[in-house]
């Protein structure tokens, strides 16, 4: 098999993104049973009559920290 110069880093990036997407998909599929993401104590939920406003602020912070750590590992 011939190796095309310059595509080795691109292949590694694609494999990393594929693995990350697999893990994210598994968490979304099975994570609801294991973790209560989306309904954490710091998330804002306002219900009035027929109106519901939901802003998952703590969930966003936790996901941001996790993704930042993952990106730090891939940058090395």
PDB file of N, CA and C in Angstrom:
ATOM      1  N   UNK A   1       0.842  -1.167   0.000  1.00  0.00           N
ATOM      2  CA  UNK A   1       0.000   0.000   0.000  1.00  0.00           C
ATOM      3  C   UNK A   1       0.892   1.236   0.000  1.00  0.00           C
ATOM      4  N   UNK A   2       0.673   2.144  -0.928  1.00  0.00           N
ATOM      5  CA  UNK A   2       1.523   3.332  -0.986  1.00  0.00           C
ATOM      6  C   UNK A   2       1.035   4.381  -0.002  1.00  0.00           C
ATOM      7  N   UNK A   3       1.974   5.084   0.553  1.00  0.00           N
ATOM      8  CA  UNK A   3       1.666   6.107   1.545  1.00  0.00           C
ATOM      9  C   UNK A   3       1.717   7.473   0.874  1.00  0.00           C
ATOM     10  N   UNK A   4       0.630   8.245   0.997  1.00  0.00           N
ATOM     11  CA  UNK A   4       0.577   9.573   0.415  1.00  0.00           C
ATOM     12  C   UNK A   4       1.184  10.543   1.409  1.00  0.00           C
ATOM     13  N   UNK A   5       2.200  11.304   0.999  1.00  0.00           N
ATOM     14  CA  UNK A   5       2.837  12.224   1.937  1.00  0.00           C
ATOM     15  C   UNK A   5       1.883  13.337   2.375  1.00  0.00           C
ATOM     16  N   UNK A   6       1.930  13.635   3.663  1.00  0.00           N
ATOM     17  CA  UNK A   6       1.133  14.735   4.203  1.00  0.00           C
ATOM     18  C   UNK A   6      -0.241  14.342   4.717  1.00  0.00           C
ATOM     19  N   UNK A   7      -0.680  13.118   4.502  1.00  0.00           N
ATOM     20  CA  UNK A   7      -2.009  12.717   4.957  1.00  0.00           C
ATOM     21  C   UNK A   7      -1.990  11.945   6.268  1.00  0.00           C
ATOM     22  N   UNK A   8      -0.811  11.639   6.792  1.00  0.00           N
ATOM     23  CA  UNK A   8      -0.719  10.904   8.050  1.00  0.00           C
ATOM     24  C   UNK A   8      -1.375  11.653   9.214  1.00  0.00           C
ATOM     25  N   UNK A   9      -1.119  12.953   9.412  1.00  0.00           N
ATOM     26  CA  UNK A   9      -1.787  13.672  10.509  1.00  0.00           C
ATOM     27  C   UNK A   9      -3.301  13.750  10.318  1.00  0.00           C
ATOM     28  N   UNK A  10      -3.737  13.880   9.068  1.00  0.00           N
ATOM     29  CA  UNK A  10      -5.168  13.948   8.779  1.00  0.00           C
ATOM     30  C   UNK A  10      -5.859  12.636   9.163  1.00  0.00           C
ATOM     31  N   UNK A  11      -5.210  11.518   8.889  1.00  0.00           N
ATOM     32  CA  UNK A  11      -5.761  10.221   9.266  1.00  0.00           C
ATOM     33  C   UNK A  11      -5.883  10.068  10.772  1.00  0.00           C
ATOM     34  N   UNK A  12      -4.896  10.554  11.495  1.00  0.00           N
ATOM     35  CA  UNK A  12      -4.948  10.490  12.958  1.00  0.00           C
ATOM     36  C   UNK A  12      -6.073  11.358  13.504  1.00  0.00           C
ATOM     37  N   UNK A  13      -6.266  12.515  12.899  1.00  0.00           N
ATOM     38  CA  UNK A  13      -7.351  13.394  13.341  1.00  0.00           C
ATOM     39  C   UNK A  13      -8.703  12.727  13.096  1.00  0.00           C
ATOM     40  N   UNK A  14      -8.865  12.115  11.926  1.00  0.00           N
ATOM     41  CA  UNK A  14     -10.128  11.436  11.620  1.00  0.00           C
ATOM     42  C   UNK A  14     -10.398  10.273  12.575  1.00  0.00           C
ATOM     43  N   UNK A  15      -9.357   9.507  12.908  1.00  0.00           N
ATOM     44  CA  UNK A  15      -9.534   8.403  13.857  1.00  0.00           C
ATOM     45  C   UNK A  15      -9.896   8.930  15.236  1.00  0.00           C
ATOM     46  N   UNK A  16      -9.254  10.011  15.662  1.00  0.00           N
ATOM     47  CA  UNK A  16      -9.568  10.611  16.962  1.00  0.00           C
ATOM     48  C   UNK A  16     -10.993  11.133  17.009  1.00  0.00           C
ATOM     49  N   UNK A  17     -11.414  11.820  15.946  1.00  0.00           N
ATOM     50  CA  UNK A  17     -12.787  12.325  15.901  1.00  0.00           C
ATOM     51  C   UNK A  17     -13.801  11.186  15.857  1.00  0.00           C
ATOM     52  N   UNK A  18     -13.471  10.123  15.146  1.00  0.00           N
ATOM     53  CA  UNK A  18     -14.356   8.967  15.096  1.00  0.00           C
ATOM     54  C   UNK A  18     -14.520   8.334  16.470  1.00  0.00           C
ATOM     55  N   UNK A  19     -13.423   8.202  17.192  1.00  0.00           N
ATOM     56  CA  UNK A  19     -13.485   7.656  18.552  1.00  0.00           C
ATOM     57  C   UNK A  19     -14.267   8.554  19.483  1.00  0.00           C
ATOM     58  N   UNK A  20     -14.061   9.856  19.341  1.00  0.00           N
ATOM     59  CA  UNK A  20     -14.784  10.816  20.172  1.00  0.00           C
ATOM     60  C   UNK A  20     -16.284  10.779  19.876  1.00  0.00           C
ATOM     61  N   UNK A  21     -16.643  10.683  18.605  1.00  0.00           N
ATOM     62  CA  UNK A  21     -18.057  10.584  18.239  1.00  0.00           C
ATOM     63  C   UNK A  21     -18.686   9.288  18.761  1.00  0.00           C
ATOM     64  N   UNK A  22     -17.912   8.199  18.729  1.00  0.00           N
ATOM     65  CA  UNK A  22     -18.416   6.930  19.264  1.00  0.00           C
ATOM     66  C   UNK A  22     -18.689   7.042  20.756  1.00  0.00           C
ATOM     67  N   UNK A  23     -17.756   7.626  21.486  1.00  0.00           N
ATOM     68  CA  UNK A  23     -17.919   7.788  22.936  1.00  0.00           C
ATOM     69  C   UNK A  23     -19.095   8.707  23.239  1.00  0.00           C
ATOM     70  N   UNK A  24     -19.212   9.801  22.496  1.00  0.00           N
ATOM     71  CA  UNK A  24     -20.323  10.727  22.694  1.00  0.00           C
ATOM     72  C   UNK A  24     -21.656  10.049  22.403  1.00  0.00           C
ATOM     73  N   UNK A  25     -21.713   9.268  21.337  1.00  0.00           N
ATOM     74  CA  UNK A  25     -22.935   8.536  21.012  1.00  0.00           C
ATOM     75  C   UNK A  25     -23.300   7.522  22.086  1.00  0.00           C
ATOM     76  N   UNK A  26     -22.308   6.825  22.621  1.00  0.00           N
ATOM     77  CA  UNK A  26     -22.566   5.860  23.691  1.00  0.00           C
ATOM     78  C   UNK A  26     -23.066   6.562  24.950  1.00  0.00           C
ATOM     79  N   UNK A  27     -22.484   7.718  25.265  1.00  0.00           N
ATOM     80  CA  UNK A  27     -22.947   8.468  26.441  1.00  0.00           C
ATOM     81  C   UNK A  27     -24.375   8.965  26.262  1.00  0.00           C
ATOM     82  N   UNK A  28     -24.704   9.420  25.062  1.00  0.00           N
ATOM     83  CA  UNK A  28     -26.064   9.888  24.823  1.00  0.00           C
ATOM     84  C   UNK A  28     -27.069   8.742  24.850  1.00  0.00           C
ATOM     85  N   UNK A  29     -26.649   7.576  24.381  1.00  0.00           N
ATOM     86  CA  UNK A  29     -27.548   6.423  24.358  1.00  0.00           C
ATOM     87  C   UNK A  29     -27.736   5.815  25.739  1.00  0.00           C
ATOM     88  N   UNK A  30     -26.634   5.568  26.428  1.00  0.00           N
ATOM     89  CA  UNK A  30     -26.700   4.867  27.707  1.00  0.00           C
ATOM     90  C   UNK A  30     -26.504   5.787  28.910  1.00  0.00           C
ATOM     91  N   UNK A  31     -26.084   7.006  28.677  1.00  0.00           N
ATOM     92  CA  UNK A  31     -25.770   7.928  29.761  1.00  0.00           C
ATOM     93  C   UNK A  31     -26.968   8.369  30.570  1.00  0.00           C
ATOM     94  N   UNK A  32     -28.142   8.376  29.953  1.00  0.00           N
ATOM     95  CA  UNK A  32     -29.340   8.773  30.679  1.00  0.00           C
ATOM     96  C   UNK A  32     -29.639   7.856  31.853  1.00  0.00           C
ATOM     97  N   UNK A  33     -29.252   6.620  31.723  1.00  0.00           N
ATOM     98  CA  UNK A  33     -29.463   5.661  32.810  1.00  0.00           C
ATOM     99  C   UNK A  33     -28.386   5.759  33.879  1.00  0.00           C
ATOM    100  N   UNK A  34     -27.178   6.156  33.441  1.00  0.00           N
ATOM    101  CA  UNK A  34     -26.060   6.203  34.374  1.00  0.00           C
ATOM    102  C   UNK A  34     -25.891   7.581  35.003  1.00  0.00           C
ATOM    103  N   UNK A  35     -26.008   8.622  34.195  1.00  0.00           N
ATOM    104  CA  UNK A  35     -25.799   9.988  34.661  1.00  0.00           C
ATOM    105  C   UNK A  35     -27.097  10.764  34.492  1.00  0.00           C
ATOM    106  N   UNK A  36     -27.267  11.769  35.292  1.00  0.00           N
ATOM    107  CA  UNK A  36     -28.459  12.604  35.176  1.00  0.00           C
ATOM    108  C   UNK A  36     -28.117  13.939  34.514  1.00  0.00           C
ATOM    109  N   UNK A  37     -27.317  13.897  33.426  1.00  0.00           N
ATOM    110  CA  UNK A  37     -27.014  15.118  32.699  1.00  0.00           C
ATOM    111  C   UNK A  37     -28.302  15.727  32.185  1.00  0.00           C
ATOM    112  N   UNK A  38     -28.397  17.016  32.270  1.00  0.00           N
ATOM    113  CA  UNK A  38     -29.592  17.703  31.816  1.00  0.00           C
ATOM    114  C   UNK A  38     -30.547  18.013  32.945  1.00  0.00           C
ATOM    115  N   UNK A  39     -30.391  17.382  34.062  1.00  0.00           N
ATOM    116  CA  UNK A  39     -31.242  17.634  35.234  1.00  0.00           C
ATOM    117  C   UNK A  39     -30.398  17.764  36.497  1.00  0.00           C
ATOM    118  N   UNK A  40     -29.297  18.496  36.364  1.00  0.00           N
ATOM    119  CA  UNK A  40     -28.430  18.707  37.511  1.00  0.00           C
ATOM    120  C   UNK A  40     -28.961  19.850  38.366  1.00  0.00           C
ATOM    121  N   UNK A  41     -28.562  19.934  39.634  1.00  0.00           N
ATOM    122  CA  UNK A  41     -29.085  20.971  40.528  1.00  0.00           C
ATOM    123  C   UNK A  41     -28.827  22.406  40.063  1.00  0.00           C
ATOM    124  N   UNK A  42     -27.782  22.673  39.303  1.00  0.00           N
ATOM    125  CA  UNK A  42     -27.488  24.023  38.861  1.00  0.00           C
ATOM    126  C   UNK A  42     -28.180  24.430  37.568  1.00  0.00           C
ATOM    127  N   UNK A  43     -28.942  23.532  36.964  1.00  0.00           N
ATOM    128  CA  UNK A  43     -29.658  23.840  35.732  1.00  0.00           C
ATOM    129  C   UNK A  43     -30.910  24.651  36.049  1.00  0.00           C
ATOM    130  N   UNK A  44     -31.241  25.587  35.162  1.00  0.00           N
ATOM    131  CA  UNK A  44     -32.371  26.483  35.386  1.00  0.00           C
ATOM    132  C   UNK A  44     -33.599  25.924  34.685  1.00  0.00           C
ATOM    133  N   UNK A  45     -34.694  25.792  35.422  1.00  0.00           N
ATOM    134  CA  UNK A  45     -35.957  25.311  34.883  1.00  0.00           C
ATOM    135  C   UNK A  45     -37.074  26.212  35.394  1.00  0.00           C
ATOM    136  N   UNK A  46     -37.798  26.844  34.476  1.00  0.00           N
ATOM    137  CA  UNK A  46     -38.917  27.719  34.834  1.00  0.00           C
ATOM    138  C   UNK A  46     -40.153  27.184  34.120  1.00  0.00           C
ATOM    139  N   UNK A  47     -41.176  26.841  34.890  1.00  0.00           N
ATOM    140  CA  UNK A  47     -42.439  26.358  34.324  1.00  0.00           C
ATOM    141  C   UNK A  47     -43.564  27.252  34.813  1.00  0.00           C
ATOM    142  N   UNK A  48     -44.257  27.861  33.857  1.00  0.00           N
ATOM    143  CA  UNK A  48     -45.404  28.708  34.178  1.00  0.00           C
ATOM    144  C   UNK A  48     -46.491  28.453  33.154  1.00  0.00           C
ATOM    145  N   UNK A  49     -47.558  27.837  33.573  1.00  0.00           N
ATOM    146  CA  UNK A  49     -48.665  27.547  32.654  1.00  0.00           C
ATOM    147  C   UNK A  49     -48.212  26.671  31.502  1.00  0.00           C
ATOM    148  N   UNK A  50     -48.402  27.170  30.282  1.00  0.00           N
ATOM    149  CA  UNK A  50     -48.016  26.430  29.080  1.00  0.00           C
ATOM    150  C   UNK A  50     -46.585  26.727  28.649  1.00  0.00           C
ATOM    151  N   UNK A  51     -45.869  27.542  29.400  1.00  0.00           N
ATOM    152  CA  UNK A  51     -44.511  27.962  29.051  1.00  0.00           C
ATOM    153  C   UNK A  51     -43.492  27.228  29.906  1.00  0.00           C
ATOM    154  N   UNK A  52     -42.474  26.679  29.254  1.00  0.00           N
ATOM    155  CA  UNK A  52     -41.362  26.025  29.958  1.00  0.00           C
ATOM    156  C   UNK A  52     -40.056  26.553  29.387  1.00  0.00           C
ATOM    157  N   UNK A  53     -39.196  27.050  30.279  1.00  0.00           N
ATOM    158  CA  UNK A  53     -37.872  27.516  29.890  1.00  0.00           C
ATOM    159  C   UNK A  53     -36.854  26.674  30.632  1.00  0.00           C
ATOM    160  N   UNK A  54     -35.920  26.100  29.879  1.00  0.00           N
ATOM    161  CA  UNK A  54     -34.907  25.242  30.479  1.00  0.00           C
ATOM    162  C   UNK A  54     -33.546  25.651  29.944  1.00  0.00           C
ATOM    163  N   UNK A  55     -32.611  25.959  30.843  1.00  0.00           N
ATOM    164  CA  UNK A  55     -31.248  26.292  30.459  1.00  0.00           C
ATOM    165  C   UNK A  55     -30.290  25.462  31.309  1.00  0.00           C
ATOM    166  N   UNK A  56     -29.626  24.474  30.696  1.00  0.00           N
ATOM    167  CA  UNK A  56     -28.740  23.566  31.451  1.00  0.00           C
ATOM    168  C   UNK A  56     -27.353  24.168  31.691  1.00  0.00           C
ATOM    169  N   UNK A  57     -27.269  25.179  32.538  1.00  0.00           N
ATOM    170  CA  UNK A  57     -26.011  25.904  32.724  1.00  0.00           C
ATOM    171  C   UNK A  57     -24.924  25.024  33.366  1.00  0.00           C
ATOM    172  N   UNK A  58     -25.258  24.260  34.384  1.00  0.00           N
ATOM    173  CA  UNK A  58     -24.249  23.406  35.024  1.00  0.00           C
ATOM    174  C   UNK A  58     -23.831  22.269  34.091  1.00  0.00           C
ATOM    175  N   UNK A  59     -24.775  21.724  33.355  1.00  0.00           N
ATOM    176  CA  UNK A  59     -24.450  20.679  32.392  1.00  0.00           C
ATOM    177  C   UNK A  59     -23.502  21.220  31.329  1.00  0.00           C
ATOM    178  N   UNK A  60     -23.732  22.445  30.846  1.00  0.00           N
ATOM    179  CA  UNK A  60     -22.851  23.060  29.855  1.00  0.00           C
ATOM    180  C   UNK A  60     -21.450  23.267  30.420  1.00  0.00           C
ATOM    181  N   UNK A  61     -21.351  23.694  31.669  1.00  0.00           N
ATOM    182  CA  UNK A  61     -20.039  23.893  32.289  1.00  0.00           C
ATOM    183  C   UNK A  61     -19.266  22.583  32.415  1.00  0.00           C
ATOM    184  N   UNK A  62     -19.955  21.541  32.843  1.00  0.00           N
ATOM    185  CA  UNK A  62     -19.297  20.241  33.000  1.00  0.00           C
ATOM    186  C   UNK A  62     -18.835  19.705  31.651  1.00  0.00           C
ATOM    187  N   UNK A  63     -19.689  19.795  30.623  1.00  0.00           N
ATOM    188  CA  UNK A  63     -19.302  19.329  29.296  1.00  0.00           C
ATOM    189  C   UNK A  63     -18.152  20.152  28.730  1.00  0.00           C
ATOM    190  N   UNK A  64     -18.131  21.439  28.999  1.00  0.00           N
ATOM    191  CA  UNK A  64     -17.041  22.292  28.540  1.00  0.00           C
ATOM    192  C   UNK A  64     -15.714  21.879  29.178  1.00  0.00           C
ATOM    193  N   UNK A  65     -15.732  21.589  30.446  1.00  0.00           N
ATOM    194  CA  UNK A  65     -14.509  21.150  31.133  1.00  0.00           C
ATOM    195  C   UNK A  65     -14.029  19.819  30.573  1.00  0.00           C
ATOM    196  N   UNK A  66     -14.948  18.884  30.375  1.00  0.00           N
ATOM    197  CA  UNK A  66     -14.583  17.566  29.850  1.00  0.00           C
ATOM    198  C   UNK A  66     -14.000  17.691  28.443  1.00  0.00           C
ATOM    199  N   UNK A  67     -14.658  18.470  27.589  1.00  0.00           N
ATOM    200  CA  UNK A  67     -14.161  18.636  26.223  1.00  0.00           C
ATOM    201  C   UNK A  67     -12.830  19.378  26.186  1.00  0.00           C
ATOM    202  N   UNK A  68     -12.631  20.324  27.091  1.00  0.00           N
ATOM    203  CA  UNK A  68     -11.350  21.023  27.163  1.00  0.00           C
ATOM    204  C   UNK A  68     -10.221  20.073  27.544  1.00  0.00           C
ATOM    205  N   UNK A  69     -10.489  19.178  28.476  1.00  0.00           N
ATOM    206  CA  UNK A  69      -9.476  18.187  28.869  1.00  0.00           C
ATOM    207  C   UNK A  69      -9.163  17.230  27.720  1.00  0.00           C
ATOM    208  N   UNK A  70     -10.200  16.816  26.992  1.00  0.00           N
ATOM    209  CA  UNK A  70      -9.987  15.928  25.852  1.00  0.00           C
ATOM    210  C   UNK A  70      -9.165  16.627  24.780  1.00  0.00           C
ATOM    211  N   UNK A  71      -9.482  17.883  24.495  1.00  0.00           N
ATOM    212  CA  UNK A  71      -8.731  18.626  23.483  1.00  0.00           C
ATOM    213  C   UNK A  71      -7.281  18.840  23.906  1.00  0.00           C
ATOM    214  N   UNK A  72      -7.038  19.032  25.190  1.00  0.00           N
ATOM    215  CA  UNK A  72      -5.673  19.196  25.686  1.00  0.00           C
ATOM    216  C   UNK A  72      -4.868  17.923  25.460  1.00  0.00           C
ATOM    217  N   UNK A  73      -5.502  16.760  25.639  1.00  0.00           N
ATOM    218  CA  UNK A  73      -4.816  15.487  25.413  1.00  0.00           C
ATOM    219  C   UNK A  73      -4.473  15.327  23.935  1.00  0.00           C
ATOM    220  N   UNK A  74      -5.389  15.697  23.028  1.00  0.00           N
ATOM    221  CA  UNK A  74      -5.138  15.529  21.596  1.00  0.00           C
ATOM    222  C   UNK A  74      -4.121  16.528  21.051  1.00  0.00           C
ATOM    223  N   UNK A  75      -3.964  17.663  21.695  1.00  0.00           N
ATOM    224  CA  UNK A  75      -3.004  18.656  21.210  1.00  0.00           C
ATOM    225  C   UNK A  75      -1.572  18.272  21.506  1.00  0.00           C
ATOM    226  N   UNK A  76      -1.328  17.385  22.425  1.00  0.00           N
ATOM    227  CA  UNK A  76       0.039  16.982  22.771  1.00  0.00           C
ATOM    228  C   UNK A  76       0.599  16.006  21.783  1.00  0.00           C
TER     229      UNK A  76
END
